[in-house]
Full PDB file with SEQRES, HELIX, SHEET, SSBOND, CRYST1, ORIGX, SCALE, CONECT and MASTER records, all heavy atoms in Angstrom:
SEQRES   1 A   44  ILE ILE SER THR LEU PHE TYR SER PHE ALA ALA ILE TYR          
SEQRES   2 A   44  GLY ARG ARG LEU SER GLN THR GLN MET THR PRO MET VAL          
SEQRES   3 A   44  VAL ALA THR GLY GLN THR ALA MET ALA ALA LEU PHE MET          
SEQRES   4 A   44  LEU PRO VAL VAL LEU                                          
HELIX    1 AA1 ILE A    2  TYR A   13  1                                  12    
HELIX    2 AA2 GLY A   14  GLN A   19  5                                   6    
HELIX    3 AA3 PRO A   24  VAL A   43  1                                  20    
CRYST1    1.000    1.000    1.000  90.00  90.00  90.00 P 1           1          
ORIGX1      1.000000  0.000000  0.000000        0.00000                         
ORIGX2      0.000000  1.000000  0.000000        0.00000                         
ORIGX3      0.000000  0.000000  1.000000        0.00000                         
SCALE1      1.000000  0.000000  0.000000        0.00000                         
SCALE2      0.000000  1.000000  0.000000        0.00000                         
SCALE3      0.000000  0.000000  1.000000        0.00000                         
ATOM      1  N   ILE A   1       0.823  -1.194   0.005  1.00  0.00           N  
ATOM      2  CA  ILE A   1       0.008  -0.001   0.004  1.00  0.00           C  
ATOM      3  C   ILE A   1       0.883   1.262  -0.008  1.00  0.00           C  
ATOM      4  O   ILE A   1       0.591   2.234  -0.710  1.00  0.00           O  
ATOM      5  CB  ILE A   1      -0.961  -0.035   1.207  1.00  0.00           C  
ATOM      6  CG1 ILE A   1      -1.987  -1.130   1.034  1.00  0.00           C  
ATOM      7  CG2 ILE A   1      -1.656   1.326   1.376  1.00  0.00           C  
ATOM      8  CD1 ILE A   1      -2.880  -1.364   2.254  1.00  0.00           C  
ATOM      9  N   ILE A   2       1.968   1.240   0.778  1.00  0.00           N  
ATOM     10  CA  ILE A   2       2.874   2.397   0.802  1.00  0.00           C  
ATOM     11  C   ILE A   2       3.483   2.617  -0.585  1.00  0.00           C  
ATOM     12  O   ILE A   2       3.699   3.739  -0.999  1.00  0.00           O  
ATOM     13  CB  ILE A   2       3.962   2.234   1.880  1.00  0.00           C  
ATOM     14  CG1 ILE A   2       3.342   2.260   3.274  1.00  0.00           C  
ATOM     15  CG2 ILE A   2       5.035   3.322   1.753  1.00  0.00           C  
ATOM     16  CD1 ILE A   2       4.334   1.978   4.394  1.00  0.00           C  
ATOM     17  N   SER A   3       3.767   1.490  -1.298  1.00  0.00           N  
ATOM     18  CA  SER A   3       4.332   1.638  -2.623  1.00  0.00           C  
ATOM     19  C   SER A   3       3.404   2.342  -3.559  1.00  0.00           C  
ATOM     20  O   SER A   3       3.836   3.154  -4.420  1.00  0.00           O  
ATOM     21  CB  SER A   3       4.674   0.228  -3.190  1.00  0.00           C  
ATOM     22  OG  SER A   3       3.524  -0.480  -3.571  1.00  0.00           O  
ATOM     23  N   THR A   4       2.078   2.161  -3.397  1.00  0.00           N  
ATOM     24  CA  THR A   4       1.125   2.862  -4.271  1.00  0.00           C  
ATOM     25  C   THR A   4       1.080   4.358  -3.890  1.00  0.00           C  
ATOM     26  O   THR A   4       0.799   5.202  -4.733  1.00  0.00           O  
ATOM     27  CB  THR A   4      -0.288   2.264  -4.146  1.00  0.00           C  
ATOM     28  OG1 THR A   4      -0.811   2.442  -2.808  1.00  0.00           O  
ATOM     29  CG2 THR A   4      -0.293   0.785  -4.486  1.00  0.00           C  
ATOM     30  N   LEU A   5       1.363   4.678  -2.631  1.00  0.00           N  
ATOM     31  CA  LEU A   5       1.458   6.061  -2.223  1.00  0.00           C  
ATOM     32  C   LEU A   5       2.628   6.759  -2.905  1.00  0.00           C  
ATOM     33  O   LEU A   5       2.551   7.927  -3.319  1.00  0.00           O  
ATOM     34  CB  LEU A   5       1.601   6.186  -0.714  1.00  0.00           C  
ATOM     35  CG  LEU A   5       0.310   6.088   0.116  1.00  0.00           C  
ATOM     36  CD1 LEU A   5       0.613   5.955   1.588  1.00  0.00           C  
ATOM     37  CD2 LEU A   5      -0.568   7.326  -0.131  1.00  0.00           C  
ATOM     38  N   PHE A   6       3.737   6.028  -3.050  1.00  0.00           N  
ATOM     39  CA  PHE A   6       4.897   6.599  -3.739  1.00  0.00           C  
ATOM     40  C   PHE A   6       4.535   6.922  -5.193  1.00  0.00           C  
ATOM     41  O   PHE A   6       4.970   7.958  -5.711  1.00  0.00           O  
ATOM     42  CB  PHE A   6       6.081   5.614  -3.726  1.00  0.00           C  
ATOM     43  CG  PHE A   6       6.939   5.718  -2.490  1.00  0.00           C  
ATOM     44  CD1 PHE A   6       7.099   4.646  -1.632  1.00  0.00           C  
ATOM     45  CD2 PHE A   6       7.588   6.906  -2.189  1.00  0.00           C  
ATOM     46  CE1 PHE A   6       7.868   4.745  -0.480  1.00  0.00           C  
ATOM     47  CE2 PHE A   6       8.369   7.014  -1.034  1.00  0.00           C  
ATOM     48  CZ  PHE A   6       8.506   5.940  -0.187  1.00  0.00           C  
ATOM     49  N   TYR A   7       3.753   6.055  -5.845  1.00  0.00           N  
ATOM     50  CA  TYR A   7       3.310   6.361  -7.204  1.00  0.00           C  
ATOM     51  C   TYR A   7       2.531   7.667  -7.262  1.00  0.00           C  
ATOM     52  O   TYR A   7       2.666   8.458  -8.194  1.00  0.00           O  
ATOM     53  CB  TYR A   7       2.412   5.226  -7.756  1.00  0.00           C  
ATOM     54  CG  TYR A   7       3.119   3.928  -8.012  1.00  0.00           C  
ATOM     55  CD1 TYR A   7       2.565   2.705  -7.630  1.00  0.00           C  
ATOM     56  CD2 TYR A   7       4.347   3.892  -8.684  1.00  0.00           C  
ATOM     57  CE1 TYR A   7       3.207   1.500  -7.898  1.00  0.00           C  
ATOM     58  CE2 TYR A   7       4.994   2.703  -8.938  1.00  0.00           C  
ATOM     59  CZ  TYR A   7       4.414   1.507  -8.541  1.00  0.00           C  
ATOM     60  OH  TYR A   7       5.048   0.317  -8.789  1.00  0.00           O  
ATOM     61  N   SER A   8       1.713   7.878  -6.243  1.00  0.00           N  
ATOM     62  CA  SER A   8       0.894   9.095  -6.203  1.00  0.00           C  
ATOM     63  C   SER A   8       1.762  10.326  -5.987  1.00  0.00           C  
ATOM     64  O   SER A   8       1.575  11.376  -6.633  1.00  0.00           O  
ATOM     65  CB  SER A   8      -0.131   9.009  -5.066  1.00  0.00           C  
ATOM     66  OG  SER A   8      -0.996   7.894  -5.247  1.00  0.00           O  
ATOM     67  N   PHE A   9       2.742  10.238  -5.093  1.00  0.00           N  
ATOM     68  CA  PHE A   9       3.669  11.336  -4.878  1.00  0.00           C  
ATOM     69  C   PHE A   9       4.471  11.633  -6.154  1.00  0.00           C  
ATOM     70  O   PHE A   9       4.727  12.781  -6.500  1.00  0.00           O  
ATOM     71  CB  PHE A   9       4.639  11.040  -3.736  1.00  0.00           C  
ATOM     72  CG  PHE A   9       3.962  11.087  -2.384  1.00  0.00           C  
ATOM     73  CD1 PHE A   9       4.106  10.009  -1.495  1.00  0.00           C  
ATOM     74  CD2 PHE A   9       3.219  12.166  -1.972  1.00  0.00           C  
ATOM     75  CE1 PHE A   9       3.510  10.028  -0.261  1.00  0.00           C  
ATOM     76  CE2 PHE A   9       2.611  12.215  -0.720  1.00  0.00           C  
ATOM     77  CZ  PHE A   9       2.764  11.123   0.148  1.00  0.00           C  
ATOM     78  N   ALA A  10       4.851  10.561  -6.877  1.00  0.00           N  
ATOM     79  CA  ALA A  10       5.594  10.727  -8.119  1.00  0.00           C  
ATOM     80  C   ALA A  10       4.761  11.474  -9.155  1.00  0.00           C  
ATOM     81  O   ALA A  10       5.285  12.320  -9.899  1.00  0.00           O  
ATOM     82  CB  ALA A  10       6.014   9.356  -8.674  1.00  0.00           C  
ATOM     83  N   ALA A  11       3.468  11.151  -9.213  1.00  0.00           N  
ATOM     84  CA  ALA A  11       2.590  11.826 -10.181  1.00  0.00           C  
ATOM     85  C   ALA A  11       2.482  13.323  -9.884  1.00  0.00           C  
ATOM     86  O   ALA A  11       2.488  14.151 -10.813  1.00  0.00           O  
ATOM     87  CB  ALA A  11       1.193  11.189 -10.150  1.00  0.00           C  
ATOM     88  N   ILE A  12       2.399  13.659  -8.591  1.00  0.00           N  
ATOM     89  CA  ILE A  12       2.318  15.084  -8.226  1.00  0.00           C  
ATOM     90  C   ILE A  12       3.654  15.775  -8.510  1.00  0.00           C  
ATOM     91  O   ILE A  12       3.673  16.858  -9.141  1.00  0.00           O  
ATOM     92  CB  ILE A  12       1.966  15.247  -6.731  1.00  0.00           C  
ATOM     93  CG1 ILE A  12       0.589  14.605  -6.450  1.00  0.00           C  
ATOM     94  CG2 ILE A  12       1.966  16.713  -6.347  1.00  0.00           C  
ATOM     95  CD1 ILE A  12      -0.522  15.175  -7.249  1.00  0.00           C  
ATOM     96  N   TYR A  13       4.758  15.184  -8.100  1.00  0.00           N  
ATOM     97  CA  TYR A  13       6.072  15.795  -8.346  1.00  0.00           C  
ATOM     98  C   TYR A  13       6.345  15.849  -9.826  1.00  0.00           C  
ATOM     99  O   TYR A  13       6.958  16.820 -10.325  1.00  0.00           O  
ATOM    100  CB  TYR A  13       7.160  14.989  -7.627  1.00  0.00           C  
ATOM    101  CG  TYR A  13       8.528  15.636  -7.726  1.00  0.00           C  
ATOM    102  CD1 TYR A  13       8.937  16.607  -6.828  1.00  0.00           C  
ATOM    103  CD2 TYR A  13       9.407  15.281  -8.756  1.00  0.00           C  
ATOM    104  CE1 TYR A  13      10.183  17.214  -6.932  1.00  0.00           C  
ATOM    105  CE2 TYR A  13      10.646  15.867  -8.854  1.00  0.00           C  
ATOM    106  CZ  TYR A  13      11.024  16.837  -7.956  1.00  0.00           C  
ATOM    107  OH  TYR A  13      12.262  17.443  -8.063  1.00  0.00           O  
ATOM    108  N   GLY A  14       5.891  14.820 -10.539  1.00  0.00           N  
ATOM    109  CA  GLY A  14       6.159  14.760 -11.966  1.00  0.00           C  
ATOM    110  C   GLY A  14       5.500  15.864 -12.788  1.00  0.00           C  
ATOM    111  O   GLY A  14       5.866  16.081 -13.962  1.00  0.00           O  
ATOM    112  N   ARG A  15       4.588  16.597 -12.185  1.00  0.00           N  
ATOM    113  CA  ARG A  15       3.978  17.750 -12.880  1.00  0.00           C  
ATOM    114  C   ARG A  15       5.027  18.776 -13.241  1.00  0.00           C  
ATOM    115  O   ARG A  15       4.847  19.566 -14.192  1.00  0.00           O  
ATOM    116  CB  ARG A  15       2.903  18.367 -11.996  1.00  0.00           C  
ATOM    117  CG  ARG A  15       1.689  17.469 -11.814  1.00  0.00           C  
ATOM    118  CD  ARG A  15       0.737  17.969 -10.765  1.00  0.00           C  
ATOM    119  NE  ARG A  15       0.299  19.339 -10.998  1.00  0.00           N  
ATOM    120  CZ  ARG A  15      -0.832  19.833 -10.520  1.00  0.00           C  
ATOM    121  NH1 ARG A  15      -1.615  19.090  -9.771  1.00  0.00           N  
ATOM    122  NH2 ARG A  15      -1.182  21.082 -10.736  1.00  0.00           N  
ATOM    123  N   ARG A  16       6.129  18.798 -12.491  1.00  0.00           N  
ATOM    124  CA  ARG A  16       7.212  19.730 -12.835  1.00  0.00           C  
ATOM    125  C   ARG A  16       7.815  19.422 -14.197  1.00  0.00           C  
ATOM    126  O   ARG A  16       8.376  20.285 -14.857  1.00  0.00           O  
ATOM    127  CB  ARG A  16       8.305  19.674 -11.764  1.00  0.00           C  
ATOM    128  CG  ARG A  16       7.841  20.035 -10.354  1.00  0.00           C  
ATOM    129  CD  ARG A  16       8.981  20.086  -9.397  1.00  0.00           C  
ATOM    130  NE  ARG A  16       8.551  20.360  -8.024  1.00  0.00           N  
ATOM    131  CZ  ARG A  16       9.368  20.603  -6.998  1.00  0.00           C  
ATOM    132  NH1 ARG A  16      10.673  20.600  -7.211  1.00  0.00           N  
ATOM    133  NH2 ARG A  16       8.886  20.818  -5.780  1.00  0.00           N  
ATOM    134  N   LEU A  17       7.723  18.150 -14.585  1.00  0.00           N  
ATOM    135  CA  LEU A  17       8.295  17.767 -15.873  1.00  0.00           C  
ATOM    136  C   LEU A  17       7.555  18.408 -17.036  1.00  0.00           C  
ATOM    137  O   LEU A  17       8.111  18.537 -18.134  1.00  0.00           O  
ATOM    138  CB  LEU A  17       8.282  16.227 -16.014  1.00  0.00           C  
ATOM    139  CG  LEU A  17       9.158  15.476 -15.001  1.00  0.00           C  
ATOM    140  CD1 LEU A  17       8.880  13.976 -15.084  1.00  0.00           C  
ATOM    141  CD2 LEU A  17      10.618  15.751 -15.268  1.00  0.00           C  
ATOM    142  N   SER A  18       6.280  18.736 -16.833  1.00  0.00           N  
ATOM    143  CA  SER A  18       5.509  19.393 -17.900  1.00  0.00           C  
ATOM    144  C   SER A  18       6.070  20.771 -18.235  1.00  0.00           C  
ATOM    145  O   SER A  18       5.732  21.313 -19.290  1.00  0.00           O  
ATOM    146  CB  SER A  18       4.028  19.486 -17.510  1.00  0.00           C  
ATOM    147  OG  SER A  18       3.874  20.325 -16.374  1.00  0.00           O  
ATOM    148  N   GLN A  19       6.848  21.305 -17.321  1.00  0.00           N  
ATOM    149  CA  GLN A  19       7.440  22.631 -17.553  1.00  0.00           C  
ATOM    150  C   GLN A  19       8.773  22.542 -18.281  1.00  0.00           C  
ATOM    151  O   GLN A  19       9.419  23.552 -18.547  1.00  0.00           O  
ATOM    152  CB  GLN A  19       7.644  23.338 -16.215  1.00  0.00           C  
ATOM    153  CG  GLN A  19       6.357  23.507 -15.411  1.00  0.00           C  
ATOM    154  CD  GLN A  19       6.604  23.974 -13.985  1.00  0.00           C  
ATOM    155  OE1 GLN A  19       7.726  24.360 -13.629  1.00  0.00           O  
ATOM    156  NE2 GLN A  19       5.563  24.007 -13.171  1.00  0.00           N  
ATOM    157  N   THR A  20       9.201  21.331 -18.623  1.00  0.00           N  
ATOM    158  CA  THR A  20      10.442  21.126 -19.343  1.00  0.00           C  
ATOM    159  C   THR A  20      10.120  20.777 -20.816  1.00  0.00           C  
ATOM    160  O   THR A  20       8.968  20.653 -21.178  1.00  0.00           O  
ATOM    161  CB  THR A  20      11.279  19.984 -18.732  1.00  0.00           C  
ATOM    162  OG1 THR A  20      10.621  18.737 -18.983  1.00  0.00           O  
ATOM    163  CG2 THR A  20      11.401  20.175 -17.247  1.00  0.00           C  
ATOM    164  N   GLN A  21      11.164  20.601 -21.603  1.00  0.00           N  
ATOM    165  CA  GLN A  21      11.008  20.241 -23.027  1.00  0.00           C  
ATOM    166  C   GLN A  21      11.058  18.742 -23.217  1.00  0.00           C  
ATOM    167  O   GLN A  21      10.995  18.277 -24.361  1.00  0.00           O  
ATOM    168  CB  GLN A  21      12.123  20.919 -23.824  1.00  0.00           C  
ATOM    169  CG  GLN A  21      12.111  22.436 -23.775  1.00  0.00           C  
ATOM    170  CD  GLN A  21      10.839  23.021 -24.340  1.00  0.00           C  
ATOM    171  OE1 GLN A  21      10.364  22.610 -25.396  1.00  0.00           O  
ATOM    172  NE2 GLN A  21      10.261  23.993 -23.614  1.00  0.00           N  
ATOM    173  N   MET A  22      11.127  17.964 -22.140  1.00  0.00           N  
ATOM    174  CA  MET A  22      11.251  16.500 -22.274  1.00  0.00           C  
ATOM    175  C   MET A  22       9.932  15.886 -22.721  1.00  0.00           C  
ATOM    176  O   MET A  22       8.868  16.210 -22.169  1.00  0.00           O  
ATOM    177  CB  MET A  22      11.722  15.893 -20.953  1.00  0.00           C  
ATOM    178  CG  MET A  22      13.156  16.200 -20.623  1.00  0.00           C  
ATOM    179  SD  MET A  22      13.728  15.338 -19.117  1.00  0.00           S  
ATOM    180  CE  MET A  22      12.972  16.332 -17.853  1.00  0.00           C  
ATOM    181  N   THR A  23       9.983  14.984 -23.681  1.00  0.00           N  
ATOM    182  CA  THR A  23       8.814  14.262 -24.159  1.00  0.00           C  
ATOM    183  C   THR A  23       8.506  13.081 -23.206  1.00  0.00           C  
ATOM    184  O   THR A  23       9.393  12.687 -22.393  1.00  0.00           O  
ATOM    185  CB  THR A  23       9.042  13.690 -25.546  1.00  0.00           C  
ATOM    186  OG1 THR A  23      10.085  12.701 -25.505  1.00  0.00           O  
ATOM    187  CG2 THR A  23       9.452  14.802 -26.527  1.00  0.00           C  
ATOM    188  N   PRO A  24       7.311  12.513 -23.265  1.00  0.00           N  
ATOM    189  CA  PRO A  24       6.983  11.364 -22.407  1.00  0.00           C  
ATOM    190  C   PRO A  24       7.961  10.217 -22.564  1.00  0.00           C  
ATOM    191  O   PRO A  24       8.344   9.573 -21.563  1.00  0.00           O  
ATOM    192  CB  PRO A  24       5.575  10.944 -22.870  1.00  0.00           C  
ATOM    193  CG  PRO A  24       4.971  12.228 -23.343  1.00  0.00           C  
ATOM    194  CD  PRO A  24       6.111  12.971 -23.992  1.00  0.00           C  
ATOM    195  N   MET A  25       8.433   9.929 -23.790  1.00  0.00           N  
ATOM    196  CA  MET A  25       9.375   8.825 -23.988  1.00  0.00           C  
ATOM    197  C   MET A  25      10.715   9.124 -23.364  1.00  0.00           C  
ATOM    198  O   MET A  25      11.365   8.243 -22.797  1.00  0.00           O  
ATOM    199  CB  MET A  25       9.538   8.535 -25.480  1.00  0.00           C  
ATOM    200  CG  MET A  25      10.252   7.237 -25.787  1.00  0.00           C  
ATOM    201  SD  MET A  25       9.379   5.802 -25.182  1.00  0.00           S  
ATOM    202  CE  MET A  25      10.742   4.714 -24.765  1.00  0.00           C  
ATOM    203  N   VAL A  26      11.152  10.384 -23.435  1.00  0.00           N  
ATOM    204  CA  VAL A  26      12.420  10.769 -22.810  1.00  0.00           C  
ATOM    205  C   VAL A  26      12.297  10.649 -21.308  1.00  0.00           C  
ATOM    206  O   VAL A  26      13.214  10.171 -20.624  1.00  0.00           O  
ATOM    207  CB  VAL A  26      12.777  12.202 -23.229  1.00  0.00           C  
ATOM    208  CG1 VAL A  26      13.953  12.735 -22.367  1.00  0.00           C  
ATOM    209  CG2 VAL A  26      13.165  12.256 -24.696  1.00  0.00           C  
ATOM    210  N   VAL A  27      11.166  11.087 -20.757  1.00  0.00           N  
ATOM    211  CA  VAL A  27      10.951  10.973 -19.300  1.00  0.00           C  
ATOM    212  C   VAL A  27      10.957   9.521 -18.867  1.00  0.00           C  
ATOM    213  O   VAL A  27      11.608   9.163 -17.861  1.00  0.00           O  
ATOM    214  CB  VAL A  27       9.619  11.639 -18.921  1.00  0.00           C  
ATOM    215  CG1 VAL A  27       9.295  11.329 -17.445  1.00  0.00           C  
ATOM    216  CG2 VAL A  27       9.693  13.136 -19.117  1.00  0.00           C  
ATOM    217  N   ALA A  28      10.264   8.670 -19.607  1.00  0.00           N  
ATOM    218  CA  ALA A  28      10.212   7.246 -19.250  1.00  0.00           C  
ATOM    219  C   ALA A  28      11.596   6.609 -19.255  1.00  0.00           C  
ATOM    220  O   ALA A  28      11.973   5.882 -18.336  1.00  0.00           O  
ATOM    221  CB  ALA A  28       9.274   6.498 -20.198  1.00  0.00           C  
ATOM    222  N   THR A  29      12.366   6.904 -20.311  1.00  0.00           N  
ATOM    223  CA  THR A  29      13.706   6.322 -20.419  1.00  0.00           C  
ATOM    224  C   THR A  29      14.620   6.914 -19.345  1.00  0.00           C  
ATOM    225  O   THR A  29      15.378   6.185 -18.682  1.00  0.00           O  
ATOM    226  CB  THR A  29      14.302   6.627 -21.808  1.00  0.00           C  
ATOM    227  OG1 THR A  29      13.394   6.142 -22.812  1.00  0.00           O  
ATOM    228  CG2 THR A  29      15.662   5.950 -21.992  1.00  0.00           C  
ATOM    229  N   GLY A  30      14.564   8.211 -19.137  1.00  0.00           N  
ATOM    230  CA  GLY A  30      15.440   8.868 -18.159  1.00  0.00           C  
ATOM    231  C   GLY A  30      15.139   8.436 -16.747  1.00  0.00           C  
ATOM    232  O   GLY A  30      16.068   8.175 -15.974  1.00  0.00           O  
ATOM    233  N   GLN A  31      13.856   8.357 -16.382  1.00  0.00           N  
ATOM    234  CA  GLN A  31      13.524   7.964 -15.004  1.00  0.00           C  
ATOM    235  C   GLN A  31      13.909   6.503 -14.750  1.00  0.00           C  
ATOM    236  O   GLN A  31      14.337   6.166 -13.643  1.00  0.00           O  
ATOM    237  CB  GLN A  31      12.028   8.154 -14.732  1.00  0.00           C  
ATOM    238  CG  GLN A  31      11.131   7.177 -15.416  1.00  0.00           C  
ATOM    239  CD  GLN A  31       9.736   7.091 -14.762  1.00  0.00           C  
ATOM    240  OE1 GLN A  31       9.387   7.934 -13.963  1.00  0.00           O  
ATOM    241  NE2 GLN A  31       8.978   6.089 -15.136  1.00  0.00           N  
ATOM    242  N   THR A  32      13.754   5.638 -15.765  1.00  0.00           N  
ATOM    243  CA  THR A  32      14.144   4.257 -15.576  1.00  0.00           C  
ATOM    244  C   THR A  32      15.653   4.118 -15.409  1.00  0.00           C  
ATOM    245  O   THR A  32      16.138   3.348 -14.573  1.00  0.00           O  
ATOM    246  CB  THR A  32      13.664   3.391 -16.769  1.00  0.00           C  
ATOM    247  OG1 THR A  32      12.262   3.588 -16.981  1.00  0.00           O  
ATOM    248  CG2 THR A  32      13.955   1.923 -16.559  1.00  0.00           C  
ATOM    249  N   ALA A  33      16.386   4.890 -16.186  1.00  0.00           N  
ATOM    250  CA  ALA A  33      17.868   4.861 -16.066  1.00  0.00           C  
ATOM    251  C   ALA A  33      18.316   5.355 -14.696  1.00  0.00           C  
ATOM    252  O   ALA A  33      19.195   4.763 -14.074  1.00  0.00           O  
ATOM    253  CB  ALA A  33      18.493   5.690 -17.182  1.00  0.00           C  
ATOM    254  N   MET A  34      17.712   6.444 -14.228  1.00  0.00           N  
ATOM    255  CA  MET A  34      18.086   6.980 -12.923  1.00  0.00           C  
ATOM    256  C   MET A  34      17.666   6.061 -11.797  1.00  0.00           C  
ATOM    257  O   MET A  34      18.341   5.945 -10.764  1.00  0.00           O  
ATOM    258  CB  MET A  34      17.503   8.374 -12.750  1.00  0.00           C  
ATOM    259  CG  MET A  34      18.034   9.400 -13.728  1.00  0.00           C  
ATOM    260  SD  MET A  34      19.851   9.489 -13.729  1.00  0.00           S  
ATOM    261  CE  MET A  34      20.147  10.400 -12.210  1.00  0.00           C  
ATOM    262  N   ALA A  35      16.535   5.403 -11.939  1.00  0.00           N  
ATOM    263  CA  ALA A  35      16.094   4.447 -10.946  1.00  0.00           C  
ATOM    264  C   ALA A  35      17.052   3.242 -10.871  1.00  0.00           C  
ATOM    265  O   ALA A  35      17.358   2.754  -9.769  1.00  0.00           O  
ATOM    266  CB  ALA A  35      14.679   3.961 -11.255  1.00  0.00           C  
ATOM    267  N   ALA A  36      17.550   2.797 -12.013  1.00  0.00           N  
ATOM    268  CA  ALA A  36      18.533   1.708 -12.028  1.00  0.00           C  
ATOM    269  C   ALA A  36      19.826   2.165 -11.350  1.00  0.00           C  
ATOM    270  O   ALA A  36      20.432   1.395 -10.585  1.00  0.00           O  
ATOM    271  CB  ALA A  36      18.825   1.278 -13.472  1.00  0.00           C  
ATOM    272  N   LEU A  37      20.219   3.393 -11.610  1.00  0.00           N  
ATOM    273  CA  LEU A  37      21.427   3.963 -10.969  1.00  0.00           C  
ATOM    274  C   LEU A  37      21.223   4.057  -9.452  1.00  0.00           C  
ATOM    275  O   LEU A  37      22.134   3.780  -8.684  1.00  0.00           O  
ATOM    276  CB  LEU A  37      21.729   5.323 -11.569  1.00  0.00           C  
ATOM    277  CG  LEU A  37      23.040   5.996 -11.106  1.00  0.00           C  
ATOM    278  CD1 LEU A  37      24.232   5.165 -11.520  1.00  0.00           C  
ATOM    279  CD2 LEU A  37      23.117   7.391 -11.703  1.00  0.00           C  
ATOM    280  N   PHE A  38      20.025   4.439  -9.051  1.00  0.00           N  
ATOM    281  CA  PHE A  38      19.661   4.531  -7.634  1.00  0.00           C  
ATOM    282  C   PHE A  38      19.795   3.168  -6.962  1.00  0.00           C  
ATOM    283  O   PHE A  38      20.228   3.035  -5.800  1.00  0.00           O  
ATOM    284  CB  PHE A  38      18.234   5.049  -7.504  1.00  0.00           C  
ATOM    285  CG  PHE A  38      17.714   5.172  -6.091  1.00  0.00           C  
ATOM    286  CD1 PHE A  38      17.774   6.374  -5.404  1.00  0.00           C  
ATOM    287  CD2 PHE A  38      17.130   4.072  -5.440  1.00  0.00           C  
ATOM    288  CE1 PHE A  38      17.294   6.492  -4.112  1.00  0.00           C  
ATOM    289  CE2 PHE A  38      16.657   4.170  -4.148  1.00  0.00           C  
ATOM    290  CZ  PHE A  38      16.734   5.388  -3.489  1.00  0.00           C  
ATOM    291  N   MET A  39      19.384   2.106  -7.682  1.00  0.00           N  
ATOM    292  CA  MET A  39      19.382   0.742  -7.116  1.00  0.00           C  
ATOM    293  C   MET A  39      20.764   0.141  -7.023  1.00  0.00           C  
ATOM    294  O   MET A  39      20.986  -0.780  -6.206  1.00  0.00           O  
ATOM    295  CB  MET A  39      18.491  -0.168  -7.962  1.00  0.00           C  
ATOM    296  CG  MET A  39      17.005   0.073  -7.813  1.00  0.00           C  
ATOM    297  SD  MET A  39      16.404  -0.087  -6.105  1.00  0.00           S  
ATOM    298  CE  MET A  39      16.958  -1.753  -5.706  1.00  0.00           C  
ATOM    299  N   LEU A  40      21.726   0.592  -7.839  1.00  0.00           N  
ATOM    300  CA  LEU A  40      23.035  -0.046  -7.873  1.00  0.00           C  
ATOM    301  C   LEU A  40      23.728  -0.067  -6.523  1.00  0.00           C  
ATOM    302  O   LEU A  40      24.119  -1.163  -6.041  1.00  0.00           O  
ATOM    303  CB  LEU A  40      23.928   0.645  -8.921  1.00  0.00           C  
ATOM    304  CG  LEU A  40      25.306   0.052  -9.132  1.00  0.00           C  
ATOM    305  CD1 LEU A  40      25.197  -1.420  -9.528  1.00  0.00           C  
ATOM    306  CD2 LEU A  40      26.097   0.829 -10.177  1.00  0.00           C  
ATOM    307  N   PRO A  41      23.879   1.047  -5.792  1.00  0.00           N  
ATOM    308  CA  PRO A  41      24.522   0.994  -4.483  1.00  0.00           C  
ATOM    309  C   PRO A  41      23.682   0.209  -3.456  1.00  0.00           C  
ATOM    310  O   PRO A  41      24.229  -0.401  -2.546  1.00  0.00           O  
ATOM    311  CB  PRO A  41      24.660   2.459  -4.079  1.00  0.00           C  
ATOM    312  CG  PRO A  41      23.684   3.188  -4.896  1.00  0.00           C  
ATOM    313  CD  PRO A  41      23.573   2.448  -6.184  1.00  0.00           C  
ATOM    314  N   VAL A  42      22.376   0.239  -3.592  1.00  0.00           N  
ATOM    315  CA  VAL A  42      21.487  -0.526  -2.683  1.00  0.00           C  
ATOM    316  C   VAL A  42      21.784  -2.007  -2.828  1.00  0.00           C  
ATOM    317  O   VAL A  42      21.954  -2.733  -1.807  1.00  0.00           O  
ATOM    318  CB  VAL A  42      20.008  -0.247  -3.007  1.00  0.00           C  
ATOM    319  CG1 VAL A  42      19.108  -1.151  -2.149  1.00  0.00           C  
ATOM    320  CG2 VAL A  42      19.658   1.207  -2.778  1.00  0.00           C  
ATOM    321  N   VAL A  43      21.903  -2.472  -4.054  1.00  0.00           N  
ATOM    322  CA  VAL A  43      22.200  -3.879  -4.285  1.00  0.00           C  
ATOM    323  C   VAL A  43      23.586  -4.256  -3.769  1.00  0.00           C  
ATOM    324  O   VAL A  43      23.785  -5.297  -3.131  1.00  0.00           O  
ATOM    325  CB  VAL A  43      22.058  -4.239  -5.801  1.00  0.00           C  
ATOM    326  CG1 VAL A  43      22.648  -5.605  -6.105  1.00  0.00           C  
ATOM    327  CG2 VAL A  43      20.587  -4.164  -6.215  1.00  0.00           C  
ATOM    328  N   LEU A  44      24.568  -3.434  -4.076  1.00  0.00           N  
ATOM    329  CA  LEU A  44      25.966  -3.725  -3.680  1.00  0.00           C  
ATOM    330  C   LEU A  44      26.122  -3.714  -2.158  1.00  0.00           C  
ATOM    331  O   LEU A  44      26.876  -4.528  -1.602  1.00  0.00           O  
ATOM    332  CB  LEU A  44      26.912  -2.727  -4.322  1.00  0.00           C  
ATOM    333  CG  LEU A  44      27.022  -2.762  -5.846  1.00  0.00           C  
ATOM    334  CD1 LEU A  44      27.932  -1.684  -6.356  1.00  0.00           C  
ATOM    335  CD2 LEU A  44      27.480  -4.137  -6.331  1.00  0.00           C  
TER     336      LEU A  44                                                      
MASTER        0    0    0    3    0    0    0    6  335    1    0    4          
END                                                                             
């Protein structure tokens, strides 16, 4: 349930992305890449 709350917070924070020139596909690729980078030290 807390994980679904994170999705909601992401949607609200993500509104800032509408003020940039990034397209939805760029956002999807970029956020996935940064999330993978975030996970690397966690795994190690």
